[in-house]
């Protein structure tokens, strides 16, 4: 089925080579970035006299640090969740929206960089990215209406799942990580379906990177291919999810704006200055943060459920 779909699409895209297709993806990303930046800025201006009482400096630094690690492929959601909670910068019920809106623009900057510098089969990239975007459209509308306790429990469980993926990858319990730069047939169908699910659950404040990286490895693709796929998936789905959160007012405007602006700095520092840093130790540190945050979320959620 996947082969027939790709053959059908190729009838309309035969003249399009890899370079031109990647250019199209890159251009769409730039346009999406401009669009969501305008939407965010207009919403900020509309509510500039009603901003939350959190700190510009603290939330900005959180965005810088989170997106620094995000660009290295470690993920930002767990780090930022832990730091936002530790510094008491936003309410738990606003975390999903704040994370999605605040990290949308920095994540698109990451995708623009890695889609350019890492080779990946165009249709594999396009189909997986579209699937994650479709999942985000479904998930954001549901998550924005969930009660705070459900969000806590959902995030706690999902963070534990993410930690399991990270441990499995680190301990080589998940086989894969071949040299392929694309997928076909059943593997492509599985990848598209899995990315749809990951796109939906990401709108609950769950990082997509670790599960997507594990998926790429398990399907026998080159580890390097994980970067444009996972960053492209997030880059296309986050504007869609962010728009829903912005329109619902289900996010911390001040924190999201600070994270977005400072997060860009973190992206460029990581991408152009310290890309060659050893990531092994950093991944174990982040794993500890994820587990700690999951425990805090689950404890709070279960306590409220009992009450």
Protein backbone atom coordinates (compact mmCIF):
# COMPACT_ATOMS: atom_id res chain seq x y z
CA UNK A 1 0.00 0.00 0.00
CA UNK A 2 2.81 2.38 0.90
CA UNK A 3 4.61 1.53 -2.38
CA UNK A 4 1.46 2.22 -4.42
CA UNK A 5 0.91 5.53 -2.60
CA UNK A 6 4.48 6.63 -3.27
CA UNK A 7 4.13 5.56 -6.93
CA UNK A 8 0.91 7.58 -7.23
CA UNK A 9 2.51 10.66 -5.70
CA UNK A 10 5.57 10.26 -7.93
CA UNK A 11 3.37 10.77 -11.01
CA UNK A 12 2.89 14.37 -9.89
CA UNK A 13 6.35 14.83 -8.46
CA UNK A 14 8.56 13.12 -11.04
CA UNK A 15 10.47 16.29 -11.92
CA UNK A 16 11.17 16.99 -8.26
CA UNK A 17 14.62 15.82 -7.18
CA UNK A 18 15.83 15.56 -3.61
CA UNK A 19 17.28 19.07 -3.52
CA UNK A 20 14.11 20.75 -4.78
CA UNK A 21 11.89 18.69 -2.44
CA UNK A 22 14.03 19.56 0.56
CA UNK A 23 13.92 23.19 -0.56
CA UNK A 24 10.11 23.02 -0.61
CA UNK A 25 10.08 21.55 2.92
CA UNK A 26 12.53 24.22 4.08
CA UNK A 27 10.43 27.01 2.55
CA UNK A 28 7.23 25.70 4.14
CA UNK A 29 9.02 25.62 7.51
CA UNK A 30 10.08 29.24 7.14
CA UNK A 31 6.53 30.30 6.24
CA UNK A 32 5.11 28.34 9.19
CA UNK A 33 7.65 29.96 11.51
CA UNK A 34 6.65 33.42 10.33
CA UNK A 35 2.95 32.59 10.68
CA UNK A 36 3.11 31.22 14.23
CA UNK A 37 5.45 34.05 15.27
CA UNK A 38 2.88 36.59 14.09
CA UNK A 39 0.03 34.73 15.83
CA UNK A 40 2.02 34.55 19.09
CA UNK A 41 3.08 38.20 18.92
CA UNK A 42 -0.46 39.44 18.22
CA UNK A 43 -1.82 37.39 21.12
CA UNK A 44 0.95 38.78 23.33
CA UNK A 45 0.10 42.36 22.34
CA UNK A 46 -3.60 41.75 22.92
CA UNK A 47 -2.96 40.57 26.49
CA UNK A 48 0.17 42.62 27.32
CA UNK A 49 -1.58 44.29 30.26
CA UNK A 50 -2.69 40.92 31.66
CA UNK A 51 0.59 39.00 31.64
CA UNK A 52 1.41 36.45 34.32
CA UNK A 53 3.68 37.29 37.24
CA UNK A 54 6.54 34.93 36.38
CA UNK A 55 10.12 36.07 35.71
CA UNK A 56 11.35 37.00 32.22
CA UNK A 57 14.90 36.07 33.21
CA UNK A 58 14.10 32.68 34.71
CA UNK A 59 11.79 31.55 31.92
CA UNK A 60 14.20 32.87 29.30
CA UNK A 61 17.12 30.93 30.78
CA UNK A 62 14.92 27.84 30.97
CA UNK A 63 14.13 28.20 27.26
CA UNK A 64 17.80 28.71 26.39
CA UNK A 65 18.97 25.66 28.35
CA UNK A 66 16.09 23.47 27.20
CA UNK A 67 16.56 24.24 23.51
CA UNK A 68 20.33 23.93 23.80
CA UNK A 69 19.89 20.30 24.86
CA UNK A 70 17.01 19.89 22.41
CA UNK A 71 19.27 20.70 19.47
CA UNK A 72 21.70 18.03 20.63
CA UNK A 73 18.89 15.50 20.30
CA UNK A 74 18.28 15.06 24.01
CA UNK A 75 14.91 16.79 24.19
CA UNK A 76 13.65 19.92 25.94
CA UNK A 77 10.21 19.13 27.33
CA UNK A 78 11.35 17.12 30.36
CA UNK A 79 14.09 19.63 31.22
CA UNK A 80 11.80 22.62 30.90
CA UNK A 81 9.00 20.90 32.80
CA UNK A 82 11.33 20.19 35.72
CA UNK A 83 12.78 23.72 35.74
CA UNK A 84 9.41 25.45 35.36
CA UNK A 85 8.04 23.43 38.26
CA UNK A 86 11.16 23.89 40.43
CA UNK A 87 11.14 27.68 39.91
CA UNK A 88 7.32 27.83 40.13
CA UNK A 89 6.97 29.77 36.88
CA UNK A 90 3.61 28.41 35.71
CA UNK A 91 0.62 26.31 36.73
CA UNK A 92 0.64 22.60 35.93
CA UNK A 93 -2.54 22.89 33.87
CA UNK A 94 -0.80 25.38 31.55
CA UNK A 95 2.37 23.31 31.06
CA UNK A 96 1.35 21.51 27.83
CA UNK A 97 0.37 24.72 26.08
CA UNK A 98 3.36 26.66 27.40
CA UNK A 99 5.81 23.99 26.24
CA UNK A 100 4.26 23.65 22.79
CA UNK A 101 3.89 27.38 22.14
CA UNK A 102 7.25 28.37 23.65
CA UNK A 103 9.28 25.75 21.80
CA UNK A 104 7.58 25.96 18.40
CA UNK A 105 9.84 28.58 16.82
CA UNK A 106 13.16 27.21 18.22
CA UNK A 107 12.20 23.72 17.05
CA UNK A 108 11.52 24.98 13.54
CA UNK A 109 14.97 26.56 13.54
CA UNK A 110 16.45 23.16 14.45
CA UNK A 111 14.57 21.45 11.62
CA UNK A 112 15.71 24.03 9.09
CA UNK A 113 19.32 23.28 10.04
CA UNK A 114 19.23 19.48 10.19
CA UNK A 115 17.01 18.92 7.14
CA UNK A 116 19.68 20.77 5.18
CA UNK A 117 22.76 18.98 6.53
CA UNK A 118 21.59 15.34 6.95
CA UNK A 119 20.56 13.20 3.97
CA UNK A 120 17.21 11.41 4.27
CA UNK A 121 14.91 9.88 1.64
CA UNK A 122 12.40 12.67 0.87
CA UNK A 123 9.17 10.66 0.90
CA UNK A 124 10.03 8.95 4.18
CA UNK A 125 10.60 12.38 5.70
CA UNK A 126 7.44 13.89 4.18
CA UNK A 127 5.08 11.05 5.16
CA UNK A 128 6.38 10.80 8.73
CA UNK A 129 6.22 14.56 9.19
CA UNK A 130 2.67 14.80 7.81
CA UNK A 131 1.59 11.94 10.09
CA UNK A 132 2.90 13.71 13.20
CA UNK A 133 1.12 16.91 12.18
CA UNK A 134 -2.17 15.06 11.78
CA UNK A 135 -1.70 13.52 15.21
CA UNK A 136 -1.05 16.94 16.72
CA UNK A 137 -4.29 18.33 15.32
CA UNK A 138 -6.18 15.55 17.05
CA UNK A 139 -4.25 15.67 20.32
CA UNK A 140 -4.08 19.42 20.98
CA UNK A 141 -7.83 19.92 20.97
CA UNK A 142 -8.29 17.14 23.51
CA UNK A 143 -5.38 18.09 25.79
CA UNK A 144 -6.39 21.77 26.00
CA UNK A 145 -9.71 20.73 27.58
CA UNK A 146 -8.34 18.20 30.07
CA UNK A 147 -8.48 18.90 33.84
CA UNK A 148 -5.21 19.58 35.65
CA UNK A 149 -5.14 16.23 37.43
CA UNK A 150 -5.48 14.29 34.17
CA UNK A 151 -2.66 16.34 32.66
CA UNK A 152 -0.39 15.55 35.61
CA UNK A 153 -1.05 11.82 35.40
CA UNK A 154 -0.73 11.79 31.60
CA UNK A 155 2.57 13.66 31.66
CA UNK A 156 3.95 11.53 34.49
CA UNK A 157 3.18 8.26 32.72
CA UNK A 158 4.42 9.57 29.37
CA UNK A 159 7.69 10.80 30.89
CA UNK A 160 8.27 7.35 32.36
CA UNK A 161 7.68 5.85 28.92
CA UNK A 162 10.16 8.30 27.42
CA UNK A 163 12.73 7.35 30.06
CA UNK A 164 12.25 3.68 29.18
CA UNK A 165 12.94 4.45 25.53
CA UNK A 166 16.12 6.30 26.50
CA UNK A 167 17.34 3.46 28.73
CA UNK A 168 16.52 0.86 26.07
CA UNK A 169 18.48 2.79 23.46
CA UNK A 170 21.41 3.42 25.78
CA UNK A 171 21.62 -0.21 26.93
CA UNK A 172 21.26 -1.52 23.36
CA UNK A 173 18.06 -3.39 24.23
CA UNK A 174 16.44 -2.01 21.07
CA UNK A 175 17.99 -3.47 17.94
CA UNK A 176 18.40 -1.34 14.85
CA UNK A 177 20.41 1.64 13.79
CA UNK A 178 21.46 0.45 10.32
CA UNK A 179 22.61 2.54 7.38
CA UNK A 180 19.31 3.09 5.54
CA UNK A 181 18.23 6.68 4.84
CA UNK A 182 14.63 5.78 3.98
CA UNK A 183 11.85 3.20 4.39
CA UNK A 184 9.41 1.33 2.14
CA UNK A 185 6.54 -1.14 2.40
CA UNK A 186 5.43 -2.34 5.82
CA UNK A 187 8.19 -0.50 7.63
CA UNK A 188 7.07 2.80 6.13
CA UNK A 189 3.45 2.14 7.10
CA UNK A 190 4.56 1.31 10.66
CA UNK A 191 6.70 4.44 10.86
CA UNK A 192 3.86 6.66 9.63
CA UNK A 193 1.36 5.13 12.07
CA UNK A 194 3.80 5.43 14.99
CA UNK A 195 4.58 9.06 14.19
CA UNK A 196 0.85 9.84 14.12
CA UNK A 197 0.57 8.55 17.70
CA UNK A 198 3.72 10.41 18.79
CA UNK A 199 2.34 13.63 17.32
CA UNK A 200 -0.88 13.25 19.29
CA UNK A 201 0.76 12.52 22.65
CA UNK A 202 3.39 15.24 22.21
CA UNK A 203 0.68 17.84 22.76
CA UNK A 204 0.41 16.55 26.34
CA UNK A 205 3.87 18.00 26.99
CA UNK A 206 5.74 14.82 26.09
CA UNK A 207 8.98 14.95 24.15
CA UNK A 208 8.93 13.24 20.75
CA UNK A 209 12.70 12.95 20.27
CA UNK A 210 13.56 9.86 22.34
CA UNK A 211 10.63 7.73 21.09
CA UNK A 212 11.24 8.86 17.50
CA UNK A 213 14.95 8.10 17.78
CA UNK A 214 14.19 4.63 19.13
CA UNK A 215 11.69 4.09 16.29
CA UNK A 216 14.27 5.05 13.66
CA UNK A 217 16.87 2.75 15.19
CA UNK A 218 14.40 -0.15 15.48
CA UNK A 219 13.44 0.16 11.81
CA UNK A 220 17.06 -0.16 10.72
CA UNK A 221 17.73 3.41 9.66
CA UNK A 222 20.94 5.37 10.17
CA UNK A 223 21.05 7.11 13.57
CA UNK A 224 21.81 10.40 11.82
CA UNK A 225 18.49 10.22 9.97
CA UNK A 226 16.67 10.47 13.30
CA UNK A 227 17.59 14.16 13.59
CA UNK A 228 15.82 15.58 10.50
CA UNK A 229 12.87 13.20 11.00
CA UNK A 230 12.26 13.94 14.67
CA UNK A 231 13.00 17.65 14.36
CA UNK A 232 10.96 17.92 11.18
CA UNK A 233 8.08 16.09 12.87
CA UNK A 234 8.12 18.47 15.81
CA UNK A 235 8.63 21.51 13.61
CA UNK A 236 5.53 20.82 11.53
CA UNK A 237 3.28 19.63 14.34
CA UNK A 238 4.11 22.28 16.95
CA UNK A 239 2.74 25.28 15.01
CA UNK A 240 -0.54 23.41 14.54
CA UNK A 241 -0.76 22.44 18.20
CA UNK A 242 0.44 25.87 19.34
CA UNK A 243 -2.26 27.63 17.34
CA UNK A 244 -4.94 25.61 19.13
CA UNK A 245 -3.41 26.37 22.55
CA UNK A 246 -3.08 30.08 21.74
CA UNK A 247 -6.69 30.36 20.59
CA UNK A 248 -7.85 28.47 23.70
CA UNK A 249 -5.71 30.70 25.94
CA UNK A 250 -4.40 27.49 27.53
CA UNK A 251 -0.79 28.62 28.00
CA UNK A 252 1.37 31.00 30.01
CA UNK A 253 1.91 33.89 27.58
CA UNK A 254 4.86 35.49 29.33
CA UNK A 255 6.73 32.21 29.85
CA UNK A 256 6.08 31.00 26.29
CA UNK A 257 7.27 34.28 24.76
CA UNK A 258 10.46 34.25 26.83
CA UNK A 259 11.16 30.59 26.04
CA UNK A 260 10.66 31.23 22.31
CA UNK A 261 13.05 34.18 22.15
CA UNK A 262 15.82 32.82 24.37
CA UNK A 263 15.34 29.32 22.97
CA UNK A 264 16.57 30.50 19.57
CA UNK A 265 19.86 31.49 21.18
CA UNK A 266 20.20 28.02 22.68
CA UNK A 267 19.54 26.43 19.27
CA UNK A 268 22.24 28.39 17.48
CA UNK A 269 24.81 27.91 20.25
CA UNK A 270 24.31 24.14 20.20
CA UNK A 271 24.09 23.84 16.42
CA UNK A 272 27.09 25.92 15.44
CA UNK A 273 29.45 25.89 18.43
CA UNK A 274 29.20 22.68 20.47
CA UNK A 275 27.70 20.05 18.16
CA UNK A 276 30.75 17.85 18.75
CA UNK A 277 30.29 17.68 22.54
CA UNK A 278 30.17 14.19 24.08
CA UNK A 279 26.48 13.47 24.69
CA UNK A 280 26.74 10.27 26.71
CA UNK A 281 27.02 11.90 30.14
CA UNK A 282 24.43 14.53 29.27
CA UNK A 283 21.89 11.87 28.32
CA UNK A 284 22.25 10.17 31.71
CA UNK A 285 21.78 13.51 33.47
CA UNK A 286 18.65 14.23 31.45
CA UNK A 287 17.36 10.73 32.19
CA UNK A 288 17.61 11.52 35.90
CA UNK A 289 15.70 14.76 35.38
CA UNK A 290 12.98 12.94 33.44
CA UNK A 291 12.56 10.28 36.12
CA UNK A 292 12.45 12.91 38.89
CA UNK A 293 9.84 14.97 37.03
CA UNK A 294 7.74 11.89 36.28
CA UNK A 295 7.77 10.95 39.96
CA UNK A 296 6.72 14.47 41.00
CA UNK A 297 3.90 14.56 38.45
CA UNK A 298 2.57 11.11 39.31
CA UNK A 299 2.75 11.78 43.04
CA UNK A 300 0.82 15.04 42.68
CA UNK A 301 -1.71 13.50 40.32
CA UNK A 302 -2.36 10.46 42.49
CA UNK A 303 -2.61 12.59 45.64
CA UNK A 304 -5.23 14.84 44.03
CA UNK A 305 -7.11 11.81 42.76
CA UNK A 306 -7.31 10.40 46.29
CA UNK A 307 -8.58 13.73 47.61
